[in-house]
Amino acid sequence: MTALATFYIAATPRPGTEHVFEDCIRRLAARGTVDGVRFSVLELAGTSAALRGEMPQEECPQCPEALATYLEDQLVAREGIYVDLDVNIG
């Protein structure tokens, strides 16, 4: 069984994408996983969201900033979701 890294994410829209932010977060929640990362929405309030993420421990960057950059890049490339993320690795 693969060990999972759990992390918590504060998401906000990038400038100019505020009008689609809520729909993007709902789409992400419905999708469930992006590139092997499982997302669940803990709270969604206008232009901010709290998410929980899980991914295989061996693939998870140990630095929160590196993980945030990786996740932002994957969300843009795979889902067309433009968000700024602040990550806490738990």
Protein backbone atom coordinates (compact mmCIF):
# COMPACT_ATOMS: atom_id res chain seq x y z
CA MET A 1 0.00 0.00 0.00
CA THR A 2 1.35 3.41 -1.00
CA ALA A 3 1.71 5.97 1.78
CA LEU A 4 -0.15 9.21 1.11
CA ALA A 5 0.93 12.74 1.89
CA THR A 6 -1.93 14.92 3.09
CA PHE A 7 -1.92 18.68 2.67
CA TYR A 8 -4.30 21.59 3.03
CA ILE A 9 -4.74 24.33 0.47
CA ALA A 10 -6.10 27.87 0.54
CA ALA A 11 -7.10 28.78 -3.01
CA THR A 12 -7.86 32.22 -4.43
CA PRO A 13 -8.54 33.28 -8.02
CA ARG A 14 -5.87 34.90 -10.11
CA PRO A 15 -6.71 38.46 -11.21
CA GLY A 16 -9.27 38.42 -14.00
CA THR A 17 -10.63 34.96 -13.17
CA GLU A 18 -12.80 35.88 -10.18
CA HIS A 19 -16.01 35.39 -12.19
CA VAL A 20 -15.26 31.71 -12.88
CA PHE A 21 -13.51 30.80 -9.62
CA GLU A 22 -16.45 29.11 -7.91
CA ASP A 23 -17.32 27.07 -11.03
CA CYS A 24 -13.67 25.98 -11.37
CA ILE A 25 -13.49 24.81 -7.76
CA ARG A 26 -16.78 22.91 -8.16
CA ARG A 27 -15.41 21.30 -11.35
CA LEU A 28 -12.24 20.32 -9.49
CA ALA A 29 -14.31 18.78 -6.68
CA ALA A 30 -16.39 16.81 -9.18
CA ARG A 31 -13.26 15.56 -10.98
CA GLY A 32 -11.72 14.33 -7.72
CA THR A 33 -8.18 13.75 -8.99
CA VAL A 34 -5.76 15.64 -11.21
CA ASP A 35 -2.51 13.93 -12.19
CA GLY A 36 -2.82 11.51 -9.26
CA VAL A 37 -3.60 14.22 -6.70
CA ARG A 38 -6.95 13.75 -4.94
CA PHE A 39 -8.76 16.97 -4.03
CA SER A 40 -11.72 17.52 -1.76
CA VAL A 41 -13.36 20.86 -1.04
CA LEU A 42 -13.66 21.69 2.64
CA GLU A 43 -15.13 25.17 2.20
CA LEU A 44 -16.05 27.43 -0.70
CA ALA A 45 -16.96 31.06 -0.06
CA GLY A 46 -17.03 33.46 -2.99
CA THR A 47 -13.42 34.07 -3.96
CA SER A 48 -11.71 31.74 -1.52
CA ALA A 49 -11.71 28.00 -1.00
CA ALA A 50 -10.21 25.57 1.49
CA LEU A 51 -9.21 22.23 0.01
CA ARG A 52 -7.66 19.02 1.24
CA GLY A 53 -5.27 17.14 -1.02
CA GLU A 54 -3.64 13.73 -1.03
CA MET A 55 -0.95 12.30 -3.25
CA PRO A 56 1.61 9.50 -3.04
CA GLN A 57 4.24 10.41 -0.44
CA GLU A 58 7.15 9.62 -2.76
CA GLU A 59 5.85 12.12 -5.36
CA CYS A 60 5.07 14.93 -2.93
CA PRO A 61 7.53 17.84 -2.76
CA GLN A 62 8.59 18.43 0.84
CA CYS A 63 8.58 22.22 0.50
CA PRO A 64 5.07 23.79 0.62
CA GLU A 65 6.04 26.42 -1.98
CA ALA A 66 7.27 23.75 -4.41
CA LEU A 67 4.06 21.77 -3.92
CA ALA A 68 1.95 24.89 -4.50
CA THR A 69 3.82 25.64 -7.75
CA TYR A 70 3.46 22.02 -8.93
CA LEU A 71 -0.28 21.99 -8.19
CA GLU A 72 -0.88 25.39 -9.83
CA ASP A 73 0.96 24.20 -12.96
CA GLN A 74 -1.01 20.92 -13.10
CA LEU A 75 -4.35 22.66 -12.63
CA VAL A 76 -3.61 25.07 -15.46
CA ALA A 77 -2.21 22.44 -17.84
CA ARG A 78 -4.75 19.68 -17.21
CA GLU A 79 -7.92 21.54 -16.19
CA GLY A 80 -7.54 25.15 -17.33
CA ILE A 81 -7.99 26.31 -13.73
CA TYR A 82 -6.04 29.44 -12.82
CA VAL A 83 -5.71 29.81 -9.05
CA ASP A 84 -3.16 30.95 -6.52
CA LEU A 85 -2.49 28.35 -3.84
CA ASP A 86 -1.08 28.52 -0.35
CA VAL A 87 -0.21 25.00 0.85
CA ASN A 88 0.37 23.51 4.29
CA ILE A 89 1.77 19.98 4.31
CA GLY A 90 0.22 18.05 7.18
